[in-house]
Amino acid sequence: MNSKNSQHLRISTKKNKTAIPAGNYTFDAEVIPTKAEAECLGVTFSSGLDWTGQVDKVVANIF
């Protein structure tokens, strides 16, 4: 695993979100950054599992 190319995405669809404990994941003593959106195989995933980021990306490529 390459920690420089890795990202951490916390996914939840709860309307009443509970506090997530602060902290980071590390691999080989390098911090893996937490992201609100992540891309995998050309599809953009968001932490709330909505499609806004993916739709914006597709629309931007059309025009």
PDB file of N, CA and C in Angstrom:
ATOM      1  N   MET A   1       0.841  -1.175   0.000  1.00  0.00           N
ATOM      2  CA  MET A   1       0.000   0.000   0.000  1.00  0.00           C
ATOM      3  C   MET A   1       0.884   1.235   0.000  1.00  0.00           C
ATOM      4  N   ASN A   2       0.561   2.178  -0.843  1.00  0.00           N
ATOM      5  CA  ASN A   2       1.297   3.434  -0.911  1.00  0.00           C
ATOM      6  C   ASN A   2       0.531   4.485  -0.109  1.00  0.00           C
ATOM      7  N   SER A   3       1.038   4.849   1.034  1.00  0.00           N
ATOM      8  CA  SER A   3       0.325   5.790   1.903  1.00  0.00           C
ATOM      9  C   SER A   3       0.231   7.187   1.293  1.00  0.00           C
ATOM     10  N   LYS A   4       1.125   7.545   0.378  1.00  0.00           N
ATOM     11  CA  LYS A   4       1.055   8.865  -0.256  1.00  0.00           C
ATOM     12  C   LYS A   4      -0.099   8.954  -1.249  1.00  0.00           C
ATOM     13  N   ASN A   5      -0.534   7.822  -1.790  1.00  0.00           N
ATOM     14  CA  ASN A   5      -1.648   7.812  -2.736  1.00  0.00           C
ATOM     15  C   ASN A   5      -2.945   7.333  -2.098  1.00  0.00           C
ATOM     16  N   SER A   6      -2.973   7.191  -0.785  1.00  0.00           N
ATOM     17  CA  SER A   6      -4.157   6.698  -0.088  1.00  0.00           C
ATOM     18  C   SER A   6      -4.941   7.856   0.509  1.00  0.00           C
ATOM     19  N   GLN A   7      -6.231   7.622   0.704  1.00  0.00           N
ATOM     20  CA  GLN A   7      -7.069   8.609   1.367  1.00  0.00           C
ATOM     21  C   GLN A   7      -8.128   7.887   2.183  1.00  0.00           C
ATOM     22  N   HIS A   8      -8.580   8.559   3.197  1.00  0.00           N
ATOM     23  CA  HIS A   8      -9.533   7.983   4.156  1.00  0.00           C
ATOM     24  C   HIS A   8     -10.855   8.714   3.985  1.00  0.00           C
ATOM     25  N   LEU A   9     -11.932   7.963   3.777  1.00  0.00           N
ATOM     26  CA  LEU A   9     -13.258   8.523   3.588  1.00  0.00           C
ATOM     27  C   LEU A   9     -14.200   7.915   4.615  1.00  0.00           C
ATOM     28  N   ARG A  10     -14.790   8.751   5.463  1.00  0.00           N
ATOM     29  CA  ARG A  10     -15.772   8.284   6.448  1.00  0.00           C
ATOM     30  C   ARG A  10     -17.152   8.456   5.834  1.00  0.00           C
ATOM     31  N   ILE A  11     -17.893   7.355   5.716  1.00  0.00           N
ATOM     32  CA  ILE A  11     -19.188   7.366   5.037  1.00  0.00           C
ATOM     33  C   ILE A  11     -20.305   7.176   6.055  1.00  0.00           C
ATOM     34  N   SER A  12     -21.336   8.043   5.934  1.00  0.00           N
ATOM     35  CA  SER A  12     -22.506   7.938   6.804  1.00  0.00           C
ATOM     36  C   SER A  12     -23.697   8.570   6.104  1.00  0.00           C
ATOM     37  N   THR A  13     -24.857   7.933   6.231  1.00  0.00           N
ATOM     38  CA  THR A  13     -26.089   8.504   5.691  1.00  0.00           C
ATOM     39  C   THR A  13     -27.041   8.936   6.798  1.00  0.00           C
ATOM     40  N   LYS A  14     -26.560   8.939   8.034  1.00  0.00           N
ATOM     41  CA  LYS A  14     -27.400   9.336   9.164  1.00  0.00           C
ATOM     42  C   LYS A  14     -27.736  10.819   9.078  1.00  0.00           C
ATOM     43  N   LYS A  15     -29.003  11.147   9.348  1.00  0.00           N
ATOM     44  CA  LYS A  15     -29.405  12.547   9.364  1.00  0.00           C
ATOM     45  C   LYS A  15     -28.915  13.234  10.624  1.00  0.00           C
ATOM     46  N   ASN A  16     -28.975  12.550  11.750  1.00  0.00           N
ATOM     47  CA  ASN A  16     -28.471  13.075  13.015  1.00  0.00           C
ATOM     48  C   ASN A  16     -27.084  12.491  13.243  1.00  0.00           C
ATOM     49  N   LYS A  17     -26.099  13.160  12.745  1.00  0.00           N
ATOM     50  CA  LYS A  17     -24.739  12.633  12.826  1.00  0.00           C
ATOM     51  C   LYS A  17     -24.190  12.763  14.238  1.00  0.00           C
ATOM     52  N   THR A  18     -23.585  11.719  14.700  1.00  0.00           N
ATOM     53  CA  THR A  18     -22.921  11.753  15.993  1.00  0.00           C
ATOM     54  C   THR A  18     -21.486  12.203  15.778  1.00  0.00           C
ATOM     55  N   ALA A  19     -20.909  12.721  16.806  1.00  0.00           N
ATOM     56  CA  ALA A  19     -19.531  13.200  16.703  1.00  0.00           C
ATOM     57  C   ALA A  19     -18.598  12.027  16.436  1.00  0.00           C
ATOM     58  N   ILE A  20     -17.734  12.218  15.482  1.00  0.00           N
ATOM     59  CA  ILE A  20     -16.740  11.204  15.156  1.00  0.00           C
ATOM     60  C   ILE A  20     -15.476  11.546  15.928  1.00  0.00           C
ATOM     61  N   PRO A  21     -14.924  10.586  16.627  1.00  0.00           N
ATOM     62  CA  PRO A  21     -13.712  10.880  17.391  1.00  0.00           C
ATOM     63  C   PRO A  21     -12.596  11.417  16.486  1.00  0.00           C
ATOM     64  N   ALA A  22     -11.914  12.396  16.991  1.00  0.00           N
ATOM     65  CA  ALA A  22     -10.796  12.956  16.241  1.00  0.00           C
ATOM     66  C   ALA A  22      -9.663  11.947  16.183  1.00  0.00           C
ATOM     67  N   GLY A  23      -8.887  12.054  15.163  1.00  0.00           N
ATOM     68  CA  GLY A  23      -7.762  11.146  15.024  1.00  0.00           C
ATOM     69  C   GLY A  23      -7.533  10.808  13.566  1.00  0.00           C
ATOM     70  N   ASN A  24      -6.395  10.286  13.294  1.00  0.00           N
ATOM     71  CA  ASN A  24      -6.032   9.952  11.934  1.00  0.00           C
ATOM     72  C   ASN A  24      -5.575   8.510  11.856  1.00  0.00           C
ATOM     73  N   TYR A  25      -5.690   7.965  10.672  1.00  0.00           N
ATOM     74  CA  TYR A  25      -5.116   6.656  10.409  1.00  0.00           C
ATOM     75  C   TYR A  25      -3.694   6.857   9.911  1.00  0.00           C
ATOM     76  N   THR A  26      -2.821   5.965  10.299  1.00  0.00           N
ATOM     77  CA  THR A  26      -1.440   6.038   9.832  1.00  0.00           C
ATOM     78  C   THR A  26      -1.032   4.689   9.245  1.00  0.00           C
ATOM     79  N   PHE A  27      -0.093   4.752   8.326  1.00  0.00           N
ATOM     80  CA  PHE A  27       0.474   3.555   7.730  1.00  0.00           C
ATOM     81  C   PHE A  27       1.950   3.834   7.512  1.00  0.00           C
ATOM     82  N   ASP A  28       2.798   2.984   8.024  1.00  0.00           N
ATOM     83  CA  ASP A  28       4.253   3.203   7.982  1.00  0.00           C
ATOM     84  C   ASP A  28       4.619   4.578   8.521  1.00  0.00           C
ATOM     85  N   ALA A  29       3.975   4.963   9.612  1.00  0.00           N
ATOM     86  CA  ALA A  29       4.216   6.234  10.314  1.00  0.00           C
ATOM     87  C   ALA A  29       3.857   7.458   9.478  1.00  0.00           C
ATOM     88  N   GLU A  30       3.077   7.293   8.401  1.00  0.00           N
ATOM     89  CA  GLU A  30       2.599   8.425   7.602  1.00  0.00           C
ATOM     90  C   GLU A  30       1.093   8.530   7.758  1.00  0.00           C
ATOM     91  N   VAL A  31       0.613   9.749   7.951  1.00  0.00           N
ATOM     92  CA  VAL A  31      -0.812   9.988   8.161  1.00  0.00           C
ATOM     93  C   VAL A  31      -1.547   9.850   6.827  1.00  0.00           C
ATOM     94  N   ILE A  32      -2.662   9.114   6.843  1.00  0.00           N
ATOM     95  CA  ILE A  32      -3.524   9.012   5.671  1.00  0.00           C
ATOM     96  C   ILE A  32      -4.602  10.082   5.824  1.00  0.00           C
ATOM     97  N   PRO A  33      -4.668  11.062   4.900  1.00  0.00           N
ATOM     98  CA  PRO A  33      -5.586  12.188   5.075  1.00  0.00           C
ATOM     99  C   PRO A  33      -7.053  11.782   4.932  1.00  0.00           C
ATOM    100  N   THR A  34      -7.912  12.453   5.716  1.00  0.00           N
ATOM    101  CA  THR A  34      -9.350  12.256   5.637  1.00  0.00           C
ATOM    102  C   THR A  34      -9.906  13.212   4.591  1.00  0.00           C
ATOM    103  N   LYS A  35     -10.725  12.704   3.696  1.00  0.00           N
ATOM    104  CA  LYS A  35     -11.298  13.500   2.610  1.00  0.00           C
ATOM    105  C   LYS A  35     -12.813  13.475   2.685  1.00  0.00           C
ATOM    106  N   ALA A  36     -13.465  14.505   2.147  1.00  0.00           N
ATOM    107  CA  ALA A  36     -14.924  14.545   2.056  1.00  0.00           C
ATOM    108  C   ALA A  36     -15.394  13.813   0.812  1.00  0.00           C
ATOM    109  N   GLU A  37     -14.543  13.771  -0.229  1.00  0.00           N
ATOM    110  CA  GLU A  37     -14.832  13.056  -1.463  1.00  0.00           C
ATOM    111  C   GLU A  37     -13.604  12.280  -1.894  1.00  0.00           C
ATOM    112  N   ALA A  38     -13.845  11.141  -2.534  1.00  0.00           N
ATOM    113  CA  ALA A  38     -12.751  10.338  -3.051  1.00  0.00           C
ATOM    114  C   ALA A  38     -13.164   9.770  -4.404  1.00  0.00           C
ATOM    115  N   GLU A  39     -12.199   9.589  -5.281  1.00  0.00           N
ATOM    116  CA  GLU A  39     -12.480   9.042  -6.602  1.00  0.00           C
ATOM    117  C   GLU A  39     -11.867   7.655  -6.724  1.00  0.00           C
ATOM    118  N   CYS A  40     -12.644   6.742  -7.265  1.00  0.00           N
ATOM    119  CA  CYS A  40     -12.185   5.374  -7.482  1.00  0.00           C
ATOM    120  C   CYS A  40     -12.736   4.897  -8.821  1.00  0.00           C
ATOM    121  N   LEU A  41     -11.844   4.527  -9.718  1.00  0.00           N
ATOM    122  CA  LEU A  41     -12.222   4.051 -11.046  1.00  0.00           C
ATOM    123  C   LEU A  41     -13.122   5.035 -11.779  1.00  0.00           C
ATOM    124  N   GLY A  42     -12.852   6.331 -11.608  1.00  0.00           N
ATOM    125  CA  GLY A  42     -13.590   7.365 -12.319  1.00  0.00           C
ATOM    126  C   GLY A  42     -14.900   7.783 -11.679  1.00  0.00           C
ATOM    127  N   VAL A  43     -15.279   7.167 -10.577  1.00  0.00           N
ATOM    128  CA  VAL A  43     -16.523   7.512  -9.887  1.00  0.00           C
ATOM    129  C   VAL A  43     -16.177   8.261  -8.613  1.00  0.00           C
ATOM    130  N   THR A  44     -16.853   9.401  -8.398  1.00  0.00           N
ATOM    131  CA  THR A  44     -16.614  10.212  -7.210  1.00  0.00           C
ATOM    132  C   THR A  44     -17.590   9.819  -6.116  1.00  0.00           C
ATOM    133  N   PHE A  45     -17.062   9.418  -4.973  1.00  0.00           N
ATOM    134  CA  PHE A  45     -17.862   9.057  -3.803  1.00  0.00           C
ATOM    135  C   PHE A  45     -17.724  10.168  -2.769  1.00  0.00           C
ATOM    136  N   SER A  46     -18.830  10.488  -2.101  1.00  0.00           N
ATOM    137  CA  SER A  46     -18.777  11.496  -1.042  1.00  0.00           C
ATOM    138  C   SER A  46     -19.070  10.843   0.295  1.00  0.00           C
ATOM    139  N   SER A  47     -18.731  11.542   1.362  1.00  0.00           N
ATOM    140  CA  SER A  47     -18.931  10.988   2.703  1.00  0.00           C
ATOM    141  C   SER A  47     -20.411  10.817   3.039  1.00  0.00           C
ATOM    142  N   GLY A  48     -21.301  11.559   2.374  1.00  0.00           N
ATOM    143  CA  GLY A  48     -22.740  11.433   2.607  1.00  0.00           C
ATOM    144  C   GLY A  48     -23.433  10.566   1.580  1.00  0.00           C
ATOM    145  N   LEU A  49     -22.666   9.948   0.698  1.00  0.00           N
ATOM    146  CA  LEU A  49     -23.178   9.090  -0.364  1.00  0.00           C
ATOM    147  C   LEU A  49     -24.185   9.796  -1.266  1.00  0.00           C
ATOM    148  N   ASP A  50     -23.954  11.076  -1.542  1.00  0.00           N
ATOM    149  CA  ASP A  50     -24.773  11.751  -2.542  1.00  0.00           C
ATOM    150  C   ASP A  50     -23.978  11.815  -3.855  1.00  0.00           C
ATOM    151  N   TRP A  51     -24.630  12.179  -4.906  1.00  0.00           N
ATOM    152  CA  TRP A  51     -23.994  12.143  -6.227  1.00  0.00           C
ATOM    153  C   TRP A  51     -23.616  13.523  -6.739  1.00  0.00           C
ATOM    154  N   THR A  52     -23.637  14.539  -5.912  1.00  0.00           N
ATOM    155  CA  THR A  52     -23.361  15.900  -6.353  1.00  0.00           C
ATOM    156  C   THR A  52     -21.995  16.027  -7.015  1.00  0.00           C
ATOM    157  N   GLY A  53     -20.951  15.507  -6.398  1.00  0.00           N
ATOM    158  CA  GLY A  53     -19.602  15.599  -6.969  1.00  0.00           C
ATOM    159  C   GLY A  53     -19.481  14.886  -8.297  1.00  0.00           C
ATOM    160  N   GLN A  54     -20.095  13.712  -8.414  1.00  0.00           N
ATOM    161  CA  GLN A  54     -20.052  12.948  -9.661  1.00  0.00           C
ATOM    162  C   GLN A  54     -20.818  13.671 -10.765  1.00  0.00           C
ATOM    163  N   VAL A  55     -21.992  14.183 -10.454  1.00  0.00           N
ATOM    164  CA  VAL A  55     -22.797  14.894 -11.447  1.00  0.00           C
ATOM    165  C   VAL A  55     -22.075  16.162 -11.899  1.00  0.00           C
ATOM    166  N   ASP A  56     -21.487  16.905 -10.968  1.00  0.00           N
ATOM    167  CA  ASP A  56     -20.751  18.117 -11.336  1.00  0.00           C
ATOM    168  C   ASP A  56     -19.591  17.789 -12.266  1.00  0.00           C
ATOM    169  N   LYS A  57     -18.895  16.697 -12.011  1.00  0.00           N
ATOM    170  CA  LYS A  57     -17.772  16.303 -12.846  1.00  0.00           C
ATOM    171  C   LYS A  57     -18.224  15.930 -14.255  1.00  0.00           C
ATOM    172  N   VAL A  58     -19.320  15.198 -14.361  1.00  0.00           N
ATOM    173  CA  VAL A  58     -19.840  14.785 -15.679  1.00  0.00           C
ATOM    174  C   VAL A  58     -20.337  15.987 -16.455  1.00  0.00           C
ATOM    175  N   VAL A  59     -21.072  16.880 -15.797  1.00  0.00           N
ATOM    176  CA  VAL A  59     -21.599  18.072 -16.466  1.00  0.00           C
ATOM    177  C   VAL A  59     -20.450  18.966 -16.949  1.00  0.00           C
ATOM    178  N   ALA A  60     -19.407  19.098 -16.152  1.00  0.00           N
ATOM    179  CA  ALA A  60     -18.270  19.928 -16.550  1.00  0.00           C
ATOM    180  C   ALA A  60     -17.579  19.348 -17.781  1.00  0.00           C
ATOM    181  N   ASN A  61     -17.567  18.027 -17.936  1.00  0.00           N
ATOM    182  CA  ASN A  61     -16.935  17.401 -19.099  1.00  0.00           C
ATOM    183  C   ASN A  61     -17.783  17.531 -20.355  1.00  0.00           C
ATOM    184  N   ILE A  62     -19.088  17.711 -20.195  1.00  0.00           N
ATOM    185  CA  ILE A  62     -19.984  17.842 -21.344  1.00  0.00           C
ATOM    186  C   ILE A  62     -19.810  19.197 -22.019  1.00  0.00           C
ATOM    187  N   PHE A  63     -19.705  20.244 -21.206  1.00  0.00           N
ATOM    188  CA  PHE A  63     -19.595  21.593 -21.748  1.00  0.00           C
ATOM    189  C   PHE A  63     -18.179  21.981 -21.756  1.00  0.00           C
TER     190      PHE A  63
END
